[in-house]
Amino acid sequence: MQSYLEFLNSEGLGYHLLKNIPINDNVFRYGSTQFFSIIEESRQNSDKIQFTEDELDFLGTDIGSFELFEGKEVPLDLPMLDENTKGVKLNKPKRGGSKKYFVYVRNSNGNIVKVNFGDDTGLSAKINNAKARKSFAARHNCKQKKDKTSPGYWSCRLPRYAKSLGLAGGGNYFW
């Protein structure tokens, strides 16, 4: 682990590595300068650090990147409160809708869309059963799901949001 510390620019990433804290569970305040710098430093050192598949998936997003929007620099792919959507939180799944769950996301045109996902026939999510998780991930090709506007993307990541959805168990993994 000492070899990691030789090339790091910040103590923050070193802390994550020493304490074995996933990069996607950033210890800094959400949206802060340190939050973004850990992500950027992780991307810069991705060839030197062995990240988990979930961390690599996280680092493959646009989170931490910025673009100009209406003359203002805004973070990309960051689920924060959007002023133009009357308090709708982006990328935060909730219970309800026409299916079991729903989430608001921004599509490629910049519009906010509602994505309904989950079974609506009364089946339960068996996220604590390792065999069921493995089978679900294989059956639904979870590793290939990259489009946030598709129900499959959110179904594959349901365990990540288990606590906020009132489900038992869960964690930072695919089904």
Protein backbone atom coordinates (compact mmCIF):
# COMPACT_ATOMS: atom_id res chain seq x y z
CA MET A 1 0.00 0.00 0.00
CA GLN A 2 2.96 2.31 0.59
CA SER A 3 3.68 2.30 -3.16
CA TYR A 4 0.30 3.97 -3.76
CA LEU A 5 1.22 6.85 -1.51
CA GLU A 6 4.35 7.64 -3.54
CA PHE A 7 2.47 8.90 -6.61
CA LEU A 8 -0.71 10.34 -5.07
CA ASN A 9 -1.29 14.09 -5.04
CA SER A 10 -3.77 14.15 -2.18
CA GLU A 11 -4.27 12.62 1.22
CA GLY A 12 -7.92 12.00 0.34
CA LEU A 13 -7.30 9.27 -2.22
CA GLY A 14 -4.61 7.79 0.03
CA TYR A 15 -7.14 7.65 2.86
CA HIS A 16 -9.63 5.83 0.63
CA LEU A 17 -6.98 3.29 -0.36
CA LEU A 18 -5.59 2.75 3.14
CA LYS A 19 -9.05 2.36 4.70
CA ASN A 20 -10.33 0.30 1.73
CA ILE A 21 -13.18 2.75 1.08
CA PRO A 22 -14.59 2.53 -2.47
CA ILE A 23 -14.14 5.68 -4.57
CA ASN A 24 -17.89 5.75 -5.22
CA ASP A 25 -18.41 6.04 -1.42
CA ASN A 26 -16.45 9.29 -1.35
CA VAL A 27 -15.85 10.55 2.21
CA PHE A 28 -16.01 14.21 1.19
CA ARG A 29 -19.18 16.30 1.04
CA TYR A 30 -21.17 15.53 -2.07
CA GLY A 31 -20.31 18.03 -4.81
CA SER A 32 -17.43 19.67 -2.92
CA THR A 33 -14.06 20.48 -4.51
CA GLN A 34 -12.44 17.58 -2.63
CA PHE A 35 -15.22 15.25 -3.79
CA PHE A 36 -14.39 16.04 -7.43
CA SER A 37 -10.60 16.04 -6.94
CA ILE A 38 -10.65 12.45 -5.56
CA ILE A 39 -12.58 11.30 -8.61
CA GLU A 40 -10.26 13.09 -11.02
CA GLU A 41 -7.13 11.83 -9.27
CA SER A 42 -8.56 8.30 -9.35
CA ARG A 43 -9.09 8.57 -13.11
CA GLN A 44 -5.54 9.86 -13.61
CA ASN A 45 -4.11 6.93 -11.63
CA SER A 46 -6.47 4.20 -12.86
CA ASP A 47 -3.54 2.43 -14.53
CA LYS A 48 -1.61 2.30 -11.24
CA ILE A 49 -4.41 1.43 -8.80
CA GLN A 50 -6.45 -1.75 -8.86
CA PHE A 51 -10.07 -0.60 -8.65
CA THR A 52 -13.09 -2.87 -8.27
CA GLU A 53 -15.50 -3.32 -11.17
CA ASP A 54 -18.02 -1.03 -9.47
CA GLU A 55 -15.40 1.67 -8.97
CA LEU A 56 -14.35 1.42 -12.63
CA ASP A 57 -18.01 1.66 -13.63
CA PHE A 58 -18.31 4.79 -11.48
CA LEU A 59 -15.12 6.30 -12.91
CA GLY A 60 -16.45 5.62 -16.42
CA THR A 61 -19.28 8.12 -15.91
CA ASP A 62 -19.07 11.86 -16.52
CA ILE A 63 -19.19 12.61 -12.80
CA GLY A 64 -16.54 15.16 -11.97
CA SER A 65 -16.62 16.69 -15.45
CA PHE A 66 -18.03 20.17 -16.04
CA GLU A 67 -19.69 21.90 -19.00
CA LEU A 68 -21.10 25.36 -19.64
CA PHE A 69 -24.89 25.56 -19.49
CA GLU A 70 -26.58 28.93 -19.98
CA GLY A 71 -23.30 30.66 -19.16
CA LYS A 72 -22.80 28.73 -15.94
CA GLU A 73 -20.34 25.88 -15.37
CA VAL A 74 -22.30 22.86 -14.11
CA PRO A 75 -21.20 19.36 -13.04
CA LEU A 76 -22.17 16.50 -15.34
CA ASP A 77 -23.76 13.22 -14.28
CA LEU A 78 -24.20 14.42 -10.72
CA PRO A 79 -27.51 13.58 -9.05
CA MET A 80 -28.24 16.89 -7.36
CA LEU A 81 -31.31 19.03 -6.94
CA ASP A 82 -32.10 20.70 -10.27
CA GLU A 83 -33.53 24.20 -9.97
CA ASN A 84 -35.45 23.89 -13.25
CA THR A 85 -37.43 20.79 -12.30
CA LYS A 86 -39.29 22.06 -9.24
CA GLY A 87 -37.31 20.08 -6.68
CA VAL A 88 -37.06 16.75 -8.53
CA LYS A 89 -33.94 14.88 -7.46
CA LEU A 90 -32.11 13.32 -10.38
CA ASN A 91 -30.71 9.77 -10.29
CA LYS A 92 -32.34 8.95 -6.92
CA PRO A 93 -34.77 6.01 -7.23
CA LYS A 94 -38.05 6.18 -5.30
CA ARG A 95 -40.93 3.78 -4.69
CA GLY A 96 -44.10 4.18 -6.72
CA GLY A 97 -45.03 5.09 -10.24
CA SER A 98 -46.53 2.71 -12.77
CA LYS A 99 -44.02 0.05 -11.70
CA LYS A 100 -42.56 -0.70 -8.27
CA TYR A 101 -39.91 2.07 -8.53
CA PHE A 102 -39.16 5.21 -10.55
CA VAL A 103 -36.30 7.62 -11.04
CA TYR A 104 -35.88 10.96 -12.80
CA VAL A 105 -32.88 11.22 -15.14
CA ARG A 106 -31.59 13.61 -17.76
CA ASN A 107 -31.62 12.15 -21.29
CA SER A 108 -29.11 12.86 -24.08
CA ASN A 109 -31.11 15.94 -25.16
CA GLY A 110 -30.85 17.44 -21.68
CA ASN A 111 -34.52 16.85 -20.87
CA ILE A 112 -35.57 15.26 -17.60
CA VAL A 113 -37.48 12.01 -18.05
CA LYS A 114 -39.11 9.62 -15.61
CA VAL A 115 -37.98 5.99 -15.83
CA ASN A 116 -40.27 3.38 -14.26
CA PHE A 117 -38.69 0.04 -13.38
CA GLY A 118 -39.15 -3.03 -11.23
CA ASP A 119 -41.77 -5.75 -11.16
CA ASP A 120 -45.36 -4.65 -10.71
CA THR A 121 -46.83 -8.13 -10.14
CA GLY A 122 -45.82 -8.50 -6.51
CA LEU A 123 -42.50 -10.36 -6.83
CA SER A 124 -39.91 -9.47 -4.22
CA ALA A 125 -36.32 -8.44 -4.87
CA LYS A 126 -34.04 -11.16 -3.48
CA ILE A 127 -30.98 -8.95 -3.16
CA ASN A 128 -29.67 -10.85 -0.12
CA ASN A 129 -29.57 -14.18 -1.96
CA ALA A 130 -26.15 -14.53 -3.65
CA LYS A 131 -27.34 -17.20 -6.10
CA ALA A 132 -30.36 -15.10 -7.12
CA ARG A 133 -28.16 -11.98 -7.52
CA LYS A 134 -25.71 -13.82 -9.78
CA SER A 135 -28.52 -15.28 -11.86
CA PHE A 136 -30.27 -11.91 -12.23
CA ALA A 137 -27.06 -10.13 -13.27
CA ALA A 138 -26.29 -12.81 -15.87
CA ARG A 139 -29.85 -13.00 -17.19
CA HIS A 140 -30.12 -9.22 -17.60
CA ASN A 141 -26.55 -8.56 -18.83
CA CYS A 142 -26.01 -6.02 -16.05
CA LYS A 143 -22.37 -5.42 -17.01
CA GLN A 144 -23.51 -4.03 -20.37
CA LYS A 145 -26.18 -1.65 -19.00
CA LYS A 146 -24.88 1.91 -19.41
CA ASP A 147 -27.98 3.88 -20.48
CA LYS A 148 -29.49 5.66 -17.47
CA THR A 149 -32.74 6.21 -19.34
CA SER A 150 -33.43 2.46 -19.51
CA PRO A 151 -35.28 0.51 -16.82
CA GLY A 152 -32.67 -2.27 -17.06
CA TYR A 153 -29.88 0.07 -15.93
CA TRP A 154 -31.74 0.91 -12.72
CA SER A 155 -32.96 -2.64 -12.10
CA CYS A 156 -29.37 -3.87 -12.23
CA ARG A 157 -28.31 -1.22 -9.70
CA LEU A 158 -31.23 -1.68 -7.30
CA PRO A 159 -29.04 -3.07 -4.46
CA ARG A 160 -27.06 0.20 -4.38
CA TYR A 161 -30.24 2.04 -3.40
CA ALA A 162 -31.71 -0.65 -1.12
CA LYS A 163 -31.60 1.40 2.08
CA SER A 164 -33.22 4.49 0.55
CA LEU A 165 -35.95 2.28 -0.96
CA GLY A 166 -36.66 0.49 2.32
CA LEU A 167 -35.21 -2.85 1.20
CA ALA A 168 -33.21 -5.10 3.51
CA GLY A 169 -29.56 -5.67 2.68
CA GLY A 170 -28.12 -4.32 -0.52
CA GLY A 171 -24.71 -2.89 -1.12
CA ASN A 172 -22.44 -1.53 -3.79
CA TYR A 173 -22.84 -4.35 -6.31
CA PHE A 174 -24.98 -5.61 -9.15
CA TRP A 175 -27.70 -8.03 -8.28
